[in-house]
Protein backbone atom coordinates (compact mmCIF):
# COMPACT_ATOMS: atom_id res chain seq x y z
CA MET A 1 5.06 40.47 -5.57
CA THR A 2 8.26 41.68 -7.23
CA ASN A 3 10.80 39.33 -8.76
CA ALA A 4 13.19 40.02 -5.88
CA GLU A 5 10.49 39.17 -3.33
CA ALA A 6 9.61 35.99 -5.23
CA ASP A 7 13.26 34.92 -5.28
CA GLU A 8 13.56 35.62 -1.56
CA THR A 9 10.42 33.58 -0.86
CA LYS A 10 11.78 30.64 -2.85
CA GLN A 11 15.05 30.84 -0.95
CA GLN A 12 13.16 30.85 2.37
CA ASP A 13 11.20 27.84 1.16
CA ARG A 14 14.44 26.01 0.40
CA VAL A 15 15.75 26.82 3.88
CA ARG A 16 12.54 25.50 5.47
CA MET A 17 12.89 22.36 3.40
CA LYS A 18 16.21 21.67 5.07
CA ALA A 19 17.45 18.55 3.28
CA VAL A 20 14.93 17.64 0.61
CA TRP A 21 15.53 13.95 1.19
CA GLU A 22 14.53 14.09 4.87
CA GLY A 23 10.77 13.64 4.31
CA GLU A 24 7.61 15.43 3.24
CA ARG A 25 8.01 18.49 5.56
CA PHE A 26 4.75 20.07 4.43
CA GLU A 27 4.04 21.33 7.96
CA GLU A 28 7.11 23.58 7.94
CA ILE A 29 6.02 25.09 4.63
CA LEU A 30 2.29 25.64 5.23
CA ASN A 31 2.25 26.58 8.92
CA THR A 32 3.57 30.10 8.32
CA PRO A 33 1.84 33.50 8.15
CA THR A 34 2.44 33.64 4.39
CA TRP A 35 -0.27 31.02 3.77
CA VAL A 36 -3.95 31.88 4.20
CA VAL A 37 -7.26 30.09 3.67
CA SER A 38 -8.67 31.69 0.51
CA ASP A 39 -11.70 29.38 0.24
CA PRO A 40 -12.90 27.68 3.46
CA GLY A 41 -15.22 25.26 1.67
CA PRO A 42 -17.15 23.27 4.33
CA LEU A 43 -15.41 25.08 7.21
CA ARG A 44 -16.75 27.95 9.26
CA GLY A 45 -15.26 31.13 7.83
CA PRO A 46 -13.70 33.50 7.32
CA VAL A 47 -10.66 31.64 8.65
CA LEU A 48 -8.25 33.88 10.57
CA ALA A 49 -5.54 31.30 11.22
CA PHE A 50 -4.87 27.59 10.79
CA THR A 51 -2.41 24.86 11.61
CA ILE A 52 -2.07 21.53 9.85
CA ARG A 53 -0.16 18.49 10.98
CA ARG A 54 0.45 14.79 10.46
CA THR A 55 -0.77 12.78 13.48
CA ASP A 56 1.05 9.80 14.96
CA ASP A 57 -1.26 7.41 13.09
CA HIS A 58 -0.49 9.12 9.75
CA GLN A 59 -3.74 11.07 9.50
CA ILE A 60 -3.80 14.76 8.50
CA GLU A 61 -5.50 17.08 10.98
CA LEU A 62 -6.48 20.71 10.30
CA LEU A 63 -7.26 23.24 13.04
CA THR A 64 -8.88 26.50 11.92
CA ILE A 65 -9.80 29.60 13.91
CA SER A 66 -12.58 31.98 12.89
CA GLU A 67 -14.56 34.81 14.50
CA THR A 68 -18.20 35.70 13.96
CA PRO A 69 -19.96 38.85 15.28
CA PHE A 70 -23.08 38.47 17.39
CA PRO A 71 -26.20 38.57 15.18
CA THR A 72 -28.17 41.83 15.42
CA THR A 73 -31.37 40.05 14.39
CA PRO A 74 -32.60 36.54 15.16
CA GLN A 75 -31.07 33.99 12.79
CA GLN A 76 -33.43 32.45 10.27
CA VAL A 77 -33.13 28.75 9.53
CA GLY A 78 -33.33 28.15 5.79
CA PRO A 79 -34.91 25.18 4.06
CA MET A 80 -33.17 21.84 4.40
CA ILE A 81 -31.25 20.74 1.33
CA ALA A 82 -31.66 17.09 0.45
CA GLY A 83 -28.38 15.23 0.87
CA PRO A 84 -27.27 11.62 0.65
CA ARG A 85 -29.58 9.09 2.21
CA ALA A 86 -28.80 8.43 5.86
CA GLY A 87 -26.63 5.39 6.36
CA THR A 88 -24.91 5.56 2.98
CA VAL A 89 -21.13 5.71 2.67
CA GLY A 90 -19.25 7.66 0.05
CA PRO A 91 -15.96 9.50 -0.49
CA ALA A 92 -15.43 12.89 1.14
CA MET A 93 -15.55 15.48 -1.67
CA ASP A 94 -15.30 18.86 0.11
CA VAL A 95 -12.17 20.94 -0.54
CA VAL A 96 -10.42 23.88 1.12
CA GLU A 97 -8.11 26.21 -0.80
CA LEU A 98 -4.93 27.78 0.56
CA SER A 99 -3.06 30.64 -1.10
CA GLY A 100 0.55 31.52 -0.49
CA PRO A 101 3.77 32.81 -1.98
CA THR A 102 4.29 29.82 -4.27
CA GLY A 103 0.73 29.43 -5.53
CA THR A 104 -2.36 27.49 -4.51
CA VAL A 105 -2.66 24.39 -2.36
CA ILE A 106 -5.83 22.28 -2.37
CA LEU A 107 -6.94 20.30 0.69
CA GLY A 108 -9.17 17.48 -0.53
CA GLY A 109 -11.62 15.26 1.33
CA VAL A 110 -12.03 17.70 4.25
CA VAL A 111 -14.31 16.34 6.99
CA PRO A 112 -15.00 18.63 10.01
CA PHE A 113 -15.44 16.62 13.21
CA GLY A 114 -15.17 19.06 16.11
CA LEU A 115 -16.30 22.64 16.76
CA SER A 116 -15.96 24.68 19.94
CA GLY A 117 -16.82 28.34 20.47
CA THR A 118 -15.93 31.02 23.02
CA SER A 119 -17.98 34.22 23.24
CA ASN A 120 -16.43 37.64 23.95
CA PHE A 121 -19.30 39.84 25.06
CA ALA A 122 -17.10 42.96 25.26
CA LYS A 123 -16.29 42.67 21.54
CA ALA A 124 -19.62 41.02 20.68
CA ILE A 125 -17.89 38.19 18.80
CA THR A 126 -17.68 34.41 19.06
CA ARG A 127 -14.34 32.75 18.44
CA TYR A 128 -14.53 29.26 16.95
CA GLU A 129 -11.96 26.48 16.82
CA GLU A 130 -12.81 23.80 14.29
CA ARG A 131 -10.99 20.50 13.79
CA SER A 132 -11.12 18.59 10.53
CA LEU A 133 -9.57 15.54 8.95
CA VAL A 134 -8.00 15.97 5.51
CA HIS A 135 -7.47 13.18 3.01
CA THR A 136 -5.05 14.86 0.57
CA ILE A 137 -3.00 18.04 0.23
CA VAL A 138 -1.93 18.86 -3.33
CA GLN A 139 0.15 21.61 -4.88
CA SER A 140 0.57 21.09 -8.63
CA PRO A 141 3.71 22.32 -10.40
CA ASN A 142 3.49 25.36 -12.65
CA ALA A 143 3.35 24.86 -16.38
CA THR A 144 6.87 26.27 -16.68
CA ASP A 145 8.38 23.94 -14.06
CA VAL A 146 10.41 21.01 -15.36
CA VAL A 147 10.14 18.13 -12.89
CA GLY A 148 13.53 16.52 -12.41
CA PHE A 149 12.83 14.23 -9.44
CA GLN A 150 9.88 12.72 -7.62
CA PHE A 151 10.35 11.58 -4.02
CA GLU A 152 7.64 9.23 -2.71
CA TRP A 153 7.42 9.01 1.07
CA ILE A 154 6.55 5.70 2.69
CA ASN A 155 6.50 4.37 6.21
CA ASN A 156 6.55 1.00 7.97
CA ALA A 157 9.57 0.05 5.86
CA GLU A 158 12.00 -2.61 7.04
CA LEU A 159 15.10 -2.94 4.92
CA HIS A 160 16.27 -6.34 6.30
CA GLY A 161 19.87 -5.26 6.62
CA PRO A 162 22.00 -2.76 4.69
CA LEU A 163 21.17 -1.92 1.10
CA PRO A 164 23.92 -2.41 -1.47
CA HIS A 165 24.72 1.23 -2.36
CA SER A 166 25.78 4.06 -0.11
CA PHE A 167 25.10 7.67 -0.95
CA ASN A 168 26.89 10.72 0.37
CA VAL A 169 25.68 13.99 1.78
CA LYS A 170 28.56 16.39 1.17
CA ASP A 171 29.25 19.42 3.34
CA GLU A 172 29.59 22.32 0.94
CA GLU A 173 27.96 25.70 0.47
CA ALA A 174 24.92 23.68 -0.55
CA SER A 175 24.80 20.06 0.63
CA VAL A 176 24.56 17.51 -2.16
CA LEU A 177 22.88 14.12 -2.08
CA SER A 178 24.74 11.93 -4.56
CA PHE A 179 23.19 8.63 -5.68
CA PRO A 180 24.90 6.02 -7.83
CA GLY A 181 23.20 5.68 -11.20
CA SER A 182 23.32 3.17 -14.01
CA GLN A 183 24.76 5.79 -16.41
CA LYS A 184 25.93 8.51 -14.07
CA SER A 185 25.43 9.62 -10.48
CA ILE A 186 22.33 11.61 -9.52
CA GLU A 187 22.89 14.73 -7.45
CA ILE A 188 20.18 16.56 -5.53
CA ARG A 189 21.04 19.80 -3.78
CA SER A 190 19.64 21.49 -0.70
CA SER A 191 20.37 24.74 1.08
CA SER A 192 21.14 23.16 4.45
CA SER A 193 24.44 21.63 5.46
CA GLY A 194 24.65 17.87 5.61
CA GLY A 195 27.11 15.30 6.82
CA ASN A 196 24.86 12.26 7.20
CA TYR A 197 24.80 9.21 4.99
CA GLY A 198 22.50 6.35 4.12
CA HIS A 199 22.00 3.37 1.89
CA CYS A 200 19.85 2.75 -1.12
CA TYR A 201 18.87 0.15 -3.70
CA ARG A 202 18.34 0.81 -7.40
CA ILE A 203 16.37 -0.98 -10.07
CA THR A 204 15.33 -0.25 -13.66
CA ILE A 205 11.80 -1.27 -14.70
CA GLU A 206 10.38 -0.42 -18.12
CA ASP A 207 13.37 1.87 -18.78
CA ARG A 208 12.63 3.86 -15.62
CA GLU A 209 15.39 3.97 -13.02
CA ILE A 210 14.08 3.79 -9.46
CA ILE A 211 16.00 4.28 -6.22
CA PHE A 212 14.63 2.98 -2.92
CA GLY A 213 16.34 3.71 0.36
CA GLU A 214 16.38 4.89 3.91
CA ILE A 215 16.04 8.51 4.95
CA PRO A 216 19.27 9.65 6.66
CA GLY A 217 18.62 10.39 10.32
CA ALA A 218 14.97 9.29 10.12
CA SER A 219 15.31 7.16 13.26
CA ASP A 220 15.97 10.34 15.23
CA ARG A 221 12.60 11.79 14.16
CA SER A 222 10.31 8.77 14.08
CA LYS A 223 10.18 5.31 15.62
CA ARG A 224 8.59 3.88 12.49
CA GLY A 225 10.56 2.89 9.42
CA GLN A 226 10.74 5.91 7.13
CA ALA A 227 11.93 5.44 3.58
CA TYR A 228 11.57 6.92 0.11
CA ILE A 229 11.23 5.86 -3.50
CA LEU A 230 12.99 8.22 -5.91
CA TYR A 231 12.05 8.55 -9.58
CA GLN A 232 13.87 10.63 -12.16
CA GLY A 233 11.19 12.79 -13.71
CA GLN A 234 7.51 12.37 -12.81
CA ALA A 235 6.23 8.79 -12.94
CA PRO A 236 2.54 7.93 -13.61
CA ALA A 237 0.46 7.20 -10.50
CA GLU A 238 -0.50 3.71 -11.75
CA PHE A 239 3.16 2.77 -12.29
CA ARG A 240 4.12 4.00 -8.83
CA ARG A 241 1.26 2.16 -7.12
CA LYS A 242 2.18 -1.12 -8.83
CA PHE A 243 5.82 -0.76 -7.84
CA ARG A 244 4.92 0.03 -4.21
CA GLU A 245 2.77 -3.09 -3.94
CA CYS A 246 5.50 -5.26 -5.45
CA LEU A 247 8.09 -3.69 -3.14
CA SER A 248 5.80 -4.21 -0.15
CA TYR A 249 5.44 -7.94 -0.73
CA ALA A 250 9.10 -8.40 -1.67
CA PHE A 251 10.21 -6.90 1.66
CA GLY A 252 7.49 -8.63 3.66
CA ARG A 253 5.72 -5.59 5.14
CA PRO A 254 2.59 -3.59 4.25
CA LEU A 255 4.04 -0.20 3.30
CA ILE A 256 2.17 2.97 4.28
CA TYR A 257 2.07 5.48 1.41
CA LEU A 258 2.23 9.14 2.55
CA GLY A 259 2.57 11.14 -0.69
CA TYR A 260 5.36 12.65 -2.75
CA SER A 261 7.45 15.77 -3.38
CA LEU A 262 8.33 17.11 -6.83
CA LEU A 263 11.68 18.81 -7.40
CA THR A 264 12.96 20.72 -10.39
CA THR A 265 16.21 19.75 -12.06
CA ASP A 266 18.02 22.22 -9.77
CA SER A 267 16.40 20.64 -6.68
CA VAL A 268 13.78 23.29 -5.85
CA ARG A 269 10.46 21.99 -4.62
CA CYS A 270 7.80 22.70 -7.27
CA GLY A 271 4.86 20.64 -6.05
CA PHE A 272 3.80 17.96 -3.62
CA GLU A 273 1.04 15.61 -2.54
CA VAL A 274 0.33 14.60 1.04
CA VAL A 275 -1.94 11.59 1.66
CA ALA A 276 -3.57 10.39 4.86
CA GLY A 277 -2.11 6.99 5.68
CA PHE A 278 -4.24 3.86 5.55
CA ASN A 279 -6.03 3.77 8.89
CA ALA A 280 -8.51 0.89 8.79
CA ASP A 281 -6.44 -1.19 11.19
CA HIS A 282 -3.45 0.00 13.19
CA THR A 283 -2.11 -3.55 13.11
CA ARG A 284 -0.63 -2.69 9.72
CA TYR A 285 1.70 -0.21 11.44
CA ALA A 286 3.07 -2.87 13.78
CA TYR A 287 3.20 -5.85 11.42
CA VAL A 288 6.65 -7.42 11.22
CA GLY A 289 7.28 -9.99 8.51
CA LEU A 290 9.92 -11.67 6.41
CA PRO A 291 10.39 -11.51 2.65
CA PRO A 292 8.81 -14.38 0.69
CA ALA A 293 12.19 -15.28 -0.81
CA PRO A 294 15.79 -14.73 0.29
CA LEU A 295 17.06 -11.27 -0.62
CA PHE A 296 20.68 -12.11 0.11
CA GLU A 297 23.48 -14.30 -1.17
CA GLY A 298 26.20 -15.73 0.99
CA ARG A 299 26.46 -15.23 4.71
CA TYR A 300 26.64 -11.44 4.75
CA ILE A 301 23.21 -9.96 5.45
CA MET A 302 22.96 -7.37 2.71
CA VAL A 303 20.25 -7.05 0.09
CA ASN A 304 21.65 -8.46 -3.14
CA GLU A 305 20.80 -6.32 -6.16
CA ARG A 306 20.65 -9.18 -8.64
CA VAL A 307 18.41 -11.38 -6.46
CA THR A 308 16.05 -8.58 -5.47
CA THR A 309 15.84 -7.20 -9.01
CA ARG A 310 14.70 -10.59 -10.26
CA LEU A 311 12.01 -10.76 -7.57
CA LEU A 312 10.70 -7.23 -8.13
CA LYS A 313 10.77 -7.46 -11.92
CA GLY A 314 8.97 -10.80 -11.77
CA LEU A 315 6.21 -9.40 -9.58
CA PHE A 316 5.88 -6.25 -11.69
CA THR A 317 5.86 -8.06 -15.04
CA HIS A 318 3.25 -10.62 -13.90
CA TYR A 319 1.24 -8.10 -11.89
CA ASP A 320 -1.90 -8.50 -14.00
CA ALA A 321 -1.57 -12.28 -14.31
CA LEU A 322 -1.44 -12.43 -10.51
CA ASN A 323 -4.31 -9.92 -10.16
CA PHE A 324 -1.96 -8.50 -7.57
CA LEU A 325 -3.97 -5.37 -6.81
CA HIS A 326 -6.77 -7.55 -5.43
CA VAL A 327 -4.68 -10.46 -4.19
CA SER A 328 -2.15 -8.42 -2.18
CA TRP A 329 -5.00 -6.45 -0.59
CA LEU A 330 -6.59 -9.74 0.56
CA TYR A 331 -3.24 -11.01 1.82
CA TRP A 332 -2.26 -8.00 3.94
CA TYR A 333 -5.78 -7.50 5.24
CA GLY A 334 -5.82 -11.16 6.23
CA LEU A 335 -2.51 -11.07 8.10
CA CYS A 336 -3.50 -7.86 9.90
CA SER A 337 -6.94 -9.15 10.93
CA ALA A 338 -7.96 -11.00 14.10
CA LEU A 339 -6.06 -14.24 14.63
CA HIS A 340 -9.08 -16.55 14.28
CA SER A 341 -9.92 -15.13 10.80
CA GLN A 342 -6.43 -14.95 9.30
CA ALA A 343 -6.50 -18.49 7.90
CA VAL A 344 -9.82 -17.78 6.16
CA GLN A 345 -8.57 -14.59 4.54
CA VAL A 346 -5.14 -15.87 3.50
CA GLY A 347 -6.95 -18.89 2.06
CA ALA A 348 -9.20 -16.49 0.12
CA ALA A 349 -6.06 -14.79 -1.26
CA ILE A 350 -4.78 -18.19 -2.44
CA GLU A 351 -8.12 -18.95 -4.13
CA ALA A 352 -7.96 -15.51 -5.78
CA LEU A 353 -4.51 -16.46 -7.12
CA GLN A 354 -5.96 -19.67 -8.53
CA ALA A 355 -8.76 -17.76 -10.25
CA ALA A 356 -6.32 -15.19 -11.68
CA HIS A 357 -4.06 -17.97 -12.98
CA ALA A 358 -7.01 -19.73 -14.64
CA ASP A 359 -8.01 -16.49 -16.38
CA ALA A 360 -4.46 -15.68 -17.51
CA TYR A 361 -3.58 -19.25 -18.54
CA PRO A 362 -6.87 -20.99 -19.46
CA ASN A 363 -5.12 -24.07 -20.88
CA ALA A 364 -2.74 -24.65 -17.98
CA TYR A 365 -4.92 -27.38 -16.47
CA ASN A 366 -8.41 -28.82 -16.86
CA THR A 367 -11.00 -26.95 -14.77
CA LYS A 368 -13.84 -29.33 -15.71
CA LEU A 369 -14.65 -32.70 -14.20
CA MET A 370 -15.39 -34.46 -17.49
CA SER A 371 -15.32 -33.85 -21.22
CA ARG A 372 -18.01 -31.72 -22.84
CA GLU A 373 -19.51 -34.74 -24.61
CA ASN A 374 -19.81 -36.76 -21.41
CA PHE A 375 -21.29 -33.82 -19.55
CA LEU A 376 -23.93 -33.22 -22.25
CA PHE A 377 -24.87 -36.92 -22.09
CA LEU A 378 -25.19 -36.75 -18.29
CA ARG A 379 -27.12 -33.49 -18.29
CA THR A 380 -29.62 -34.74 -20.89
CA GLY A 381 -30.30 -37.85 -18.83
CA VAL A 382 -30.68 -35.97 -15.55
CA GLU A 383 -33.01 -33.39 -17.11
CA ALA A 384 -35.19 -36.22 -18.48
CA LEU A 385 -35.38 -37.82 -15.04
CA VAL A 386 -36.25 -34.50 -13.38
CA ALA A 387 -39.01 -33.89 -15.89
CA GLN A 388 -40.63 -37.24 -14.92
CA MET A 389 -40.56 -36.52 -11.17
CA SER A 390 -43.81 -35.68 -9.38
CA VAL A 391 -42.54 -32.54 -7.62
CA ASP A 392 -43.41 -28.86 -7.80
CA ASP A 393 -42.15 -26.86 -10.75
CA SER A 394 -40.11 -24.71 -8.33
CA VAL A 395 -38.25 -27.83 -7.19
CA LYS A 396 -37.62 -28.86 -10.80
CA ALA A 397 -36.24 -25.38 -11.50
CA GLU A 398 -33.81 -25.66 -8.57
CA LEU A 399 -32.71 -29.12 -9.68
CA GLY A 400 -32.15 -27.74 -13.17
CA LYS A 401 -29.79 -25.12 -11.77
CA LYS A 402 -27.81 -27.78 -9.92
CA VAL A 403 -27.37 -29.82 -13.08
CA ALA A 404 -25.24 -27.02 -14.54
CA ASN A 405 -22.74 -27.48 -11.68
CA LEU A 406 -22.29 -31.21 -12.17
CA ASN A 407 -19.23 -30.61 -14.34
CA SER A 408 -17.49 -28.43 -11.75
CA PRO A 409 -14.81 -30.32 -9.79
CA SER A 410 -14.59 -29.94 -6.04
CA GLN A 411 -12.14 -27.43 -4.63
CA ARG A 412 -9.95 -30.36 -3.58
CA VAL A 413 -9.66 -31.56 -7.18
CA ILE A 414 -9.05 -28.01 -8.47
CA ASN A 415 -6.28 -27.59 -5.90
CA GLU A 416 -4.61 -30.85 -6.89
CA ARG A 417 -4.65 -29.93 -10.59
CA PHE A 418 -3.52 -26.37 -9.92
CA PHE A 419 -0.54 -27.38 -7.78
CA GLU A 420 0.35 -30.17 -10.20
CA ALA A 421 0.34 -27.70 -13.12
CA LEU A 422 2.69 -25.40 -11.19
CA LYS A 423 4.82 -28.39 -10.07
CA LEU A 424 4.33 -27.48 -6.41
CA PRO A 425 3.71 -30.65 -4.42
CA MET A 426 1.96 -30.16 -1.07
CA GLY A 427 3.06 -32.07 2.03
CA GLN A 428 0.73 -33.47 4.66
CA GLU A 429 1.07 -30.34 6.83
CA GLU A 430 0.09 -28.03 3.96
CA ILE A 431 -2.87 -30.21 2.99
CA GLN A 432 -4.20 -30.26 6.55
CA ALA A 433 -3.81 -26.48 6.89
CA TRP A 434 -5.66 -25.99 3.60
CA ASN A 435 -8.51 -28.27 4.69
CA ARG A 436 -8.90 -26.34 7.97
CA ARG A 437 -8.66 -22.84 6.49
CA ASN A 438 -12.41 -22.18 6.47
CA ASP A 439 -13.21 -23.47 9.96
CA ALA A 440 -13.73 -19.96 11.34
CA ALA A 441 -15.97 -18.97 8.42
CA HIS A 442 -18.20 -21.96 9.20
CA GLY A 443 -18.43 -21.07 12.88
CA THR A 444 -16.08 -23.80 14.08
CA GLY A 445 -14.40 -22.71 17.29
CA THR A 446 -10.99 -23.77 18.53
CA GLU A 447 -8.85 -23.59 21.63
CA ASP A 448 -5.78 -24.84 19.80
CA TYR A 449 -4.30 -21.41 19.06
CA ARG A 450 -0.86 -22.90 18.61
CA GLY A 451 -2.22 -25.10 15.82
CA LEU A 452 -4.08 -22.13 14.34
CA ILE A 453 -0.87 -20.09 14.16
CA LYS A 454 0.89 -23.01 12.48
CA ASP A 455 -1.89 -23.24 9.89
CA ILE A 456 -1.53 -19.53 9.13
CA LYS A 457 2.23 -19.90 8.61
CA LEU A 458 1.68 -22.88 6.31
CA LEU A 459 -0.88 -20.95 4.26
CA MET A 460 1.61 -18.08 3.96
CA ASN A 461 4.11 -20.61 2.60
CA ILE A 462 1.59 -21.83 0.02
CA PHE A 463 0.80 -18.25 -1.03
CA ALA A 464 4.49 -17.38 -1.42
CA ARG A 465 5.27 -20.52 -3.44
CA ILE A 466 2.43 -19.78 -5.88
CA VAL A 467 3.38 -16.11 -6.32
CA LEU A 468 7.06 -16.89 -6.80
CA ARG A 469 6.34 -19.68 -9.28
CA ILE A 470 3.92 -17.66 -11.44
CA SER A 471 6.12 -14.56 -11.38
CA ALA A 472 9.41 -16.50 -11.76
CA GLY A 473 10.70 -14.15 -9.06
CA SER A 474 12.78 -16.78 -7.27
CA ASP A 475 13.55 -20.50 -7.20
CA CYS A 476 13.38 -20.56 -3.40
CA TYR A 477 11.05 -19.45 -0.64
CA VAL A 478 11.44 -18.59 3.02
CA ASP A 479 9.72 -21.24 5.13
CA TYR A 480 7.68 -19.23 7.66
CA PHE A 481 6.52 -22.41 9.41
CA THR A 482 9.74 -24.17 10.42
CA PRO A 483 11.74 -22.69 13.34
CA GLY A 484 14.76 -20.80 12.06
CA PHE A 485 12.93 -19.83 8.84
CA PRO A 486 14.94 -22.10 6.51
CA VAL A 487 15.13 -21.49 2.78
CA ARG A 488 13.67 -24.22 0.59
CA LYS A 489 13.30 -24.87 -3.11
CA LEU A 490 9.82 -24.05 -4.39
CA GLU A 491 9.26 -27.77 -5.08
CA GLU A 492 9.94 -28.70 -1.46
CA PRO A 493 7.07 -28.75 1.07
CA VAL A 494 7.90 -28.25 4.74
CA SER A 495 8.08 -31.99 5.39
CA SER A 496 11.14 -32.32 3.17
CA THR A 497 14.55 -32.84 4.72
CA ASN A 498 17.84 -30.95 4.61
CA PRO A 499 16.57 -27.35 4.59
CA HIS A 500 19.10 -24.55 4.65
CA LEU A 501 19.91 -23.08 8.05
CA GLY A 502 18.18 -19.71 7.75
CA PHE A 503 16.61 -17.21 5.41
CA THR A 504 19.94 -15.44 4.94
CA GLN A 505 21.55 -18.55 3.46
CA PRO A 506 21.97 -19.00 -0.32
CA CYS A 507 19.82 -21.46 -2.25
């Protein structure tokens, strides 16, 4: 390919991109005759044509077409190759390679699931259509490319009202997306004309400026909440994952991560990653929640930058102390599970918070029932009594194991000490909900679904109060239990009086 042809191809790619801020748009790039399957991997090949698309449930589906001539001799079946043991589960490892005008694209985790064939006896060929699911699509930037921006694409986002900053899409020879910045504005150019506008929120964490906002015109293309997270330069995957999880909890919705696009400093796409959305339970796509703490000040419903920055920075800074990777997974899985099991799983998330707090702050409160001296005295006496008993040695061994647990307080005592250490008094409603949280796990049925829903809301309150206290993300929480969702101080259980009128009201 000559330099002129390469420049023309890049220009065509920019045109297909339309506005770079409008979403991932990998389908418009890859579904063209300029891209071919250079290595079919687990697929039936050679592949003559393919199409790839994002399904409505955020999966990535690949359709390939191949042709095979009729065999002139009977096919021989080769020896079976030993594979994984039947019934085992593991990650999909097969890859397919695409080649095109801008380099190589790797499809990872390719799993064929459907194959149909049509025979043409006149041409003595069989035409196959094969469908596969793909986990990731990756095009890495060239060594010479300087990454200026990284757009992460997310879905299921709910912004809870306008964000504080507006950005402009200017109609010029090349439309420009202009973001406000802490030092100067950020401008990203595209080859298509603009004219739309949107809103965004900015935050700086660990000296890295991040912009989160809506995609202009996204509601015209998708019913689900489309949004982006913009980084200047290329941020590490671990940093981005932590920020997404903090952002998800702060805005009260499980965000669906879809991948990212890399742009050079002059706004040309130089690489991307496409990820199949989390698909274990479609309830995550429909979950509607509220933030754990008020994001606004005053009566005007607009995300306040100071309030939200405190919340996000608190969650991010105390991420490890909260064991938030594990805890947030338990929390969202619990809320998106069947109604009868939600209390059990949200309760498990609260217990995971307690365990994480005890590990991070071992001297915050006493996790033993008695002093070491008293316990040694008790254990010595019990072991002497057990030794004198006329029972089987196996029974004595079991009793010996139980002696070691005599210094472990009950969960009720641990809870009281934990909440006292955090200065979070529990009201009667919270205590009752906590005591009933494991009913479903113990096989206890109920027909009081109204009471079950109330227990779940109360447990969500407890979870939020703990997270906000440990992270110092806010002095207030949104009361999910009380009608009208009043805002309360963290020290106030739901039985307290004089709550604020609604979650949009100031503390």
